[in-house]
Amino acid sequence: MNRQTLLDLLERVRSLNISPEQAAEKLRNLPFEDAEFAKIDHHRTLRTGLPEVIYSAGKTPAQVSEIFLRMTQMGTSVLATRANEVVFAQVKALVPEAHYYEQAKIVAYRGGERTSNGGPLAVLSAGTSDQPAAEEAAVAAECLGAEVERVFDVGVAGLHRLLAHRDVLDRARVVIVCAGMEGALPSVVGGLVGAPVIAVPTSVGYGTSFGGLTALLGMLNSCSPNVTTVNIDNGFGAAYVACSMLRQIQLGKSK
């Protein structure tokens, strides 16, 4: 349930297209729906402007698909992250309109609502190996309503590749940068742009990368003051924060 679907429902009551009792039935699952194994927060979009998202890892395919179906029935877009093809097959059996983004490991359903994006979001990856995290960020942001521009394989080993995309960096209102190894790219990008930079350390690298810990610590110690950091491989978290920022930009414009 989002603001627009709620307004549409109230308008249908006012125009006598449905009865107050029917409207009450549609609203009975607010603010959350108890599915026994999960309490589904249908009210989150009304509170925050962005929907609840299903984290698929650790859930059975049947649980993910049931939550996914119940969320689509409330008229909003739905995202399931860290999903595999088995999960997607069960979701698609219940929601044929669902789509699977293999590299991002996201199952998505686009509802009728479109959130204001507040301006373009740039998603960068240092190397091709960092692209899964970058795609998770890019796809999640697009499904949440952002206009996304991708710039991949522009790591610090060849800075001329990054500088060839200054136009994208200059347009972006927020930049997400995904990097493994020593995690240097977000600091470089932070020194080139005036926008907030959200750094995503990835688990890419040899032994002393420690599964992304080296990149995480490097990004947390960035000398560029406009860089902030999310958890290792958390492209989705970066996308959600970026879309929250863009939404505030858009709300500021509309005042």
Protein backbone atom coordinates (compact mmCIF):
# COMPACT_ATOMS: atom_id res chain seq x y z
CA MET A 1 0.00 0.00 0.00
CA ASN A 2 1.38 3.38 -0.99
CA ARG A 3 -0.05 6.89 -0.82
CA GLN A 4 -1.46 6.79 -4.35
CA THR A 5 -3.21 3.43 -3.95
CA LEU A 6 -4.68 4.63 -0.65
CA LEU A 7 -5.97 7.84 -2.27
CA ASP A 8 -7.41 5.80 -5.16
CA LEU A 9 -9.22 3.56 -2.68
CA LEU A 10 -10.68 6.53 -0.80
CA GLU A 11 -11.76 8.12 -4.08
CA ARG A 12 -13.59 4.90 -5.03
CA VAL A 13 -15.45 5.04 -1.72
CA ARG A 14 -16.37 8.70 -2.27
CA SER A 15 -17.65 7.95 -5.78
CA LEU A 16 -19.64 4.97 -4.44
CA ASN A 17 -17.74 2.48 -6.62
CA ILE A 18 -17.11 0.35 -3.55
CA SER A 19 -18.72 0.28 -0.13
CA PRO A 20 -16.99 1.39 3.09
CA GLU A 21 -17.13 -2.24 4.19
CA GLN A 22 -15.26 -3.35 1.07
CA ALA A 23 -12.66 -0.64 1.61
CA ALA A 24 -12.25 -1.71 5.23
CA GLU A 25 -11.61 -5.26 4.04
CA LYS A 26 -8.84 -4.02 1.74
CA LEU A 27 -7.32 -2.02 4.59
CA ARG A 28 -7.55 -4.72 7.25
CA ASN A 29 -3.95 -5.85 6.70
CA LEU A 30 -2.55 -2.43 7.51
CA PRO A 31 -0.13 -1.71 9.04
CA PHE A 32 1.13 -5.30 8.68
CA GLU A 33 -0.11 -8.71 7.65
CA ASP A 34 0.65 -11.74 9.81
CA ALA A 35 1.52 -14.68 7.54
CA GLU A 36 2.60 -16.78 10.57
CA PHE A 37 6.18 -17.19 9.34
CA ALA A 38 6.47 -13.45 8.53
CA LYS A 39 4.85 -10.16 9.46
CA ILE A 40 4.65 -8.24 6.19
CA ASP A 41 5.00 -4.47 6.58
CA HIS A 42 2.52 -3.14 4.01
CA HIS A 43 2.61 0.26 5.70
CA ARG A 44 6.30 0.97 5.03
CA THR A 45 5.78 2.82 1.76
CA LEU A 46 3.28 5.15 3.44
CA ARG A 47 5.78 5.87 6.22
CA THR A 48 9.03 6.11 4.28
CA GLY A 49 8.16 6.44 0.59
CA LEU A 50 10.01 3.19 -0.20
CA PRO A 51 8.66 -0.35 0.13
CA GLU A 52 9.67 -3.26 2.31
CA VAL A 53 12.04 -5.60 0.46
CA ILE A 54 12.27 -9.38 0.80
CA TYR A 55 15.70 -10.78 1.73
CA SER A 56 15.53 -14.25 0.21
CA ALA A 57 18.61 -15.85 1.73
CA GLY A 58 17.63 -18.04 4.68
CA LYS A 59 14.00 -18.26 3.58
CA THR A 60 12.51 -21.18 1.70
CA PRO A 61 11.33 -20.60 -1.88
CA ALA A 62 7.77 -21.21 -0.68
CA GLN A 63 8.11 -18.51 1.99
CA VAL A 64 9.57 -15.98 -0.44
CA SER A 65 6.90 -16.62 -3.06
CA GLU A 66 4.07 -16.34 -0.52
CA ILE A 67 5.39 -13.04 0.85
CA PHE A 68 5.95 -11.80 -2.71
CA LEU A 69 2.36 -12.62 -3.73
CA ARG A 70 0.83 -10.96 -0.68
CA MET A 71 2.85 -7.80 -1.28
CA THR A 72 1.80 -7.57 -4.95
CA GLN A 73 -1.82 -7.85 -3.86
CA MET A 74 -1.43 -4.52 -2.07
CA GLY A 75 -0.64 -2.80 -5.37
CA THR A 76 3.02 -1.91 -4.87
CA SER A 77 6.27 -2.87 -6.56
CA VAL A 78 8.04 -5.80 -4.92
CA LEU A 79 11.72 -6.72 -4.69
CA ALA A 80 13.27 -9.97 -3.50
CA THR A 81 17.05 -9.77 -3.14
CA ARG A 82 19.64 -12.60 -2.99
CA ALA A 83 17.24 -14.82 -4.92
CA ASN A 84 18.18 -17.78 -7.11
CA GLU A 85 16.39 -19.39 -10.03
CA VAL A 86 14.57 -21.86 -7.77
CA VAL A 87 13.08 -18.95 -5.83
CA PHE A 88 12.20 -17.18 -9.06
CA ALA A 89 10.40 -20.25 -10.44
CA GLN A 90 8.13 -20.40 -7.39
CA VAL A 91 7.51 -16.65 -7.43
CA LYS A 92 6.67 -16.67 -11.14
CA ALA A 93 4.19 -19.51 -10.63
CA LEU A 94 2.22 -17.17 -8.34
CA VAL A 95 3.09 -13.82 -9.97
CA PRO A 96 3.60 -14.35 -13.73
CA GLU A 97 4.62 -10.69 -14.21
CA ALA A 98 7.68 -11.11 -11.98
CA HIS A 99 11.10 -10.77 -13.63
CA TYR A 100 14.46 -12.26 -12.65
CA TYR A 101 17.72 -10.30 -12.92
CA GLU A 102 20.28 -13.09 -12.84
CA GLN A 103 23.48 -11.16 -12.17
CA ALA A 104 21.83 -8.98 -9.53
CA LYS A 105 20.06 -12.02 -8.02
CA ILE A 106 16.87 -9.96 -7.75
CA VAL A 107 13.28 -10.95 -8.45
CA ALA A 108 11.16 -7.88 -9.14
CA TYR A 109 7.58 -6.94 -9.87
CA ARG A 110 6.81 -3.43 -11.07
CA GLY A 111 3.60 -2.08 -9.58
CA GLY A 112 1.58 0.84 -10.84
CA GLU A 113 3.28 3.46 -8.70
CA ARG A 114 6.41 5.32 -9.77
CA THR A 115 8.43 7.16 -7.18
CA SER A 116 10.06 10.47 -8.06
CA ASN A 117 13.74 9.93 -8.63
CA GLY A 118 15.17 13.36 -7.79
CA GLY A 119 17.85 13.13 -10.48
CA PRO A 120 20.24 10.57 -11.97
CA LEU A 121 22.11 8.01 -9.90
CA ALA A 122 25.49 6.74 -11.14
CA VAL A 123 26.56 3.19 -10.28
CA LEU A 124 30.25 2.37 -10.80
CA SER A 125 32.26 -0.82 -10.52
CA ALA A 126 36.02 -0.92 -10.20
CA GLY A 127 36.37 -4.21 -12.08
CA THR A 128 34.21 -6.68 -13.95
CA SER A 129 34.41 -8.97 -10.90
CA ASP A 130 32.69 -6.25 -8.87
CA GLN A 131 29.81 -6.09 -11.32
CA PRO A 132 27.41 -8.42 -9.43
CA ALA A 133 27.35 -6.01 -6.47
CA ALA A 134 27.03 -3.07 -8.85
CA GLU A 135 24.16 -4.74 -10.70
CA GLU A 136 22.39 -5.47 -7.42
CA ALA A 137 22.64 -1.76 -6.65
CA ALA A 138 21.60 -0.64 -10.14
CA VAL A 139 18.64 -3.00 -10.51
CA ALA A 140 17.37 -2.34 -6.99
CA ALA A 141 17.58 1.42 -7.55
CA GLU A 142 15.76 1.18 -10.88
CA CYS A 143 13.00 -0.89 -9.30
CA LEU A 144 12.72 1.72 -6.56
CA GLY A 145 12.19 4.43 -9.19
CA ALA A 146 15.65 5.88 -9.78
CA GLU A 147 17.15 6.85 -13.11
CA VAL A 148 20.41 4.87 -13.19
CA GLU A 149 23.54 5.30 -15.29
CA ARG A 150 26.04 2.42 -15.19
CA VAL A 151 29.81 2.83 -15.53
CA PHE A 152 31.63 -0.49 -15.14
CA ASP A 153 35.29 -1.56 -15.04
CA VAL A 154 36.84 1.84 -14.26
CA GLY A 155 39.17 0.93 -11.40
CA VAL A 156 42.26 2.79 -10.23
CA ALA A 157 44.61 0.57 -12.23
CA GLY A 158 43.58 2.65 -15.26
CA LEU A 159 42.20 6.03 -14.20
CA HIS A 160 41.83 7.20 -17.80
CA ARG A 161 38.84 4.82 -18.02
CA LEU A 162 37.09 6.64 -15.19
CA LEU A 163 37.92 10.12 -16.51
CA ALA A 164 36.32 9.20 -19.82
CA HIS A 165 32.97 9.27 -17.98
CA ARG A 166 33.19 12.68 -16.33
CA ASP A 167 29.86 13.64 -17.93
CA VAL A 168 28.08 10.85 -16.04
CA LEU A 169 29.76 11.82 -12.77
CA ASP A 170 28.90 15.48 -13.25
CA ARG A 171 25.19 14.67 -13.81
CA ALA A 172 24.80 12.33 -10.86
CA ARG A 173 23.07 13.52 -7.71
CA VAL A 174 24.35 10.44 -5.85
CA VAL A 175 27.12 8.00 -6.83
CA ILE A 176 27.44 4.35 -5.77
CA VAL A 177 30.92 2.87 -6.16
CA CYS A 178 31.55 -0.88 -5.85
CA ALA A 179 35.16 -2.02 -5.44
CA GLY A 180 37.15 -4.92 -4.01
CA MET A 181 40.92 -5.45 -3.68
CA GLU A 182 42.23 -2.38 -1.78
CA GLY A 183 38.94 -0.46 -2.22
CA ALA A 184 40.52 2.77 -3.49
CA LEU A 185 38.03 3.82 -6.16
CA PRO A 186 35.42 5.55 -3.92
CA SER A 187 38.06 7.95 -2.57
CA VAL A 188 39.10 8.87 -6.11
CA VAL A 189 35.47 9.41 -7.17
CA GLY A 190 34.81 11.40 -4.00
CA GLY A 191 37.57 13.81 -5.01
CA LEU A 192 35.97 14.34 -8.43
CA VAL A 193 32.32 14.99 -7.55
CA GLY A 194 30.30 17.18 -5.24
CA ALA A 195 27.61 14.53 -4.78
CA PRO A 196 27.40 12.01 -1.93
CA VAL A 197 29.37 8.84 -2.70
CA ILE A 198 28.17 5.53 -1.26
CA ALA A 199 31.00 2.99 -1.20
CA VAL A 200 30.27 -0.73 -1.49
CA PRO A 201 33.22 -2.95 -0.56
CA THR A 202 33.09 -6.26 -2.42
CA SER A 203 34.51 -9.64 -1.47
CA VAL A 204 36.71 -9.61 -4.60
CA GLY A 205 40.45 -10.08 -4.07
CA TYR A 206 43.27 -12.41 -3.09
CA GLY A 207 44.10 -13.78 0.37
CA THR A 208 44.75 -10.60 2.32
CA SER A 209 41.58 -9.00 1.01
CA PHE A 210 39.98 -11.15 3.73
CA GLY A 211 36.69 -11.52 1.86
CA GLY A 212 36.25 -7.77 1.45
CA LEU A 213 37.43 -6.67 4.88
CA THR A 214 40.46 -4.86 3.46
CA ALA A 215 38.25 -2.89 1.06
CA LEU A 216 35.76 -2.15 3.86
CA LEU A 217 38.44 -0.75 6.16
CA GLY A 218 39.96 1.26 3.33
CA MET A 219 36.61 2.82 2.48
CA LEU A 220 35.82 3.56 6.12
CA ASN A 221 39.15 5.41 6.28
CA SER A 222 38.60 7.35 3.06
CA CYS A 223 40.19 10.79 2.95
CA SER A 224 37.31 12.07 0.79
CA PRO A 225 34.75 13.48 3.27
CA ASN A 226 31.76 12.89 0.96
CA VAL A 227 32.26 9.11 1.03
CA THR A 228 30.17 6.88 3.28
CA THR A 229 30.27 3.09 3.34
CA VAL A 230 27.83 0.18 3.53
CA ASN A 231 28.54 -3.44 4.34
CA ILE A 232 30.51 -5.89 2.19
CA ASP A 233 28.69 -6.80 -1.06
CA ASN A 234 25.63 -4.82 0.06
CA GLY A 235 24.64 -3.29 -3.28
CA PHE A 236 21.00 -3.30 -2.23
CA GLY A 237 21.70 -1.30 0.93
CA ALA A 238 23.56 1.31 -1.10
CA ALA A 239 20.65 1.53 -3.55
CA TYR A 240 18.08 1.98 -0.80
CA VAL A 241 20.04 4.76 0.89
CA ALA A 242 20.68 6.43 -2.49
CA CYS A 243 16.98 6.35 -3.36
CA SER A 244 16.13 7.82 0.06
CA MET A 245 18.53 10.69 -0.69
CA LEU A 246 17.08 11.21 -4.16
CA ARG A 247 13.56 11.19 -2.75
CA GLN A 248 14.49 13.95 -0.28
CA ILE A 249 15.97 15.96 -3.16
CA GLN A 250 12.70 15.56 -5.09
CA LEU A 251 10.60 16.49 -2.07
CA GLY A 252 12.72 19.59 -1.58
CA LYS A 253 12.10 20.62 -5.18
CA SER A 254 8.33 20.22 -4.80
CA LYS A 255 8.08 22.51 -1.75
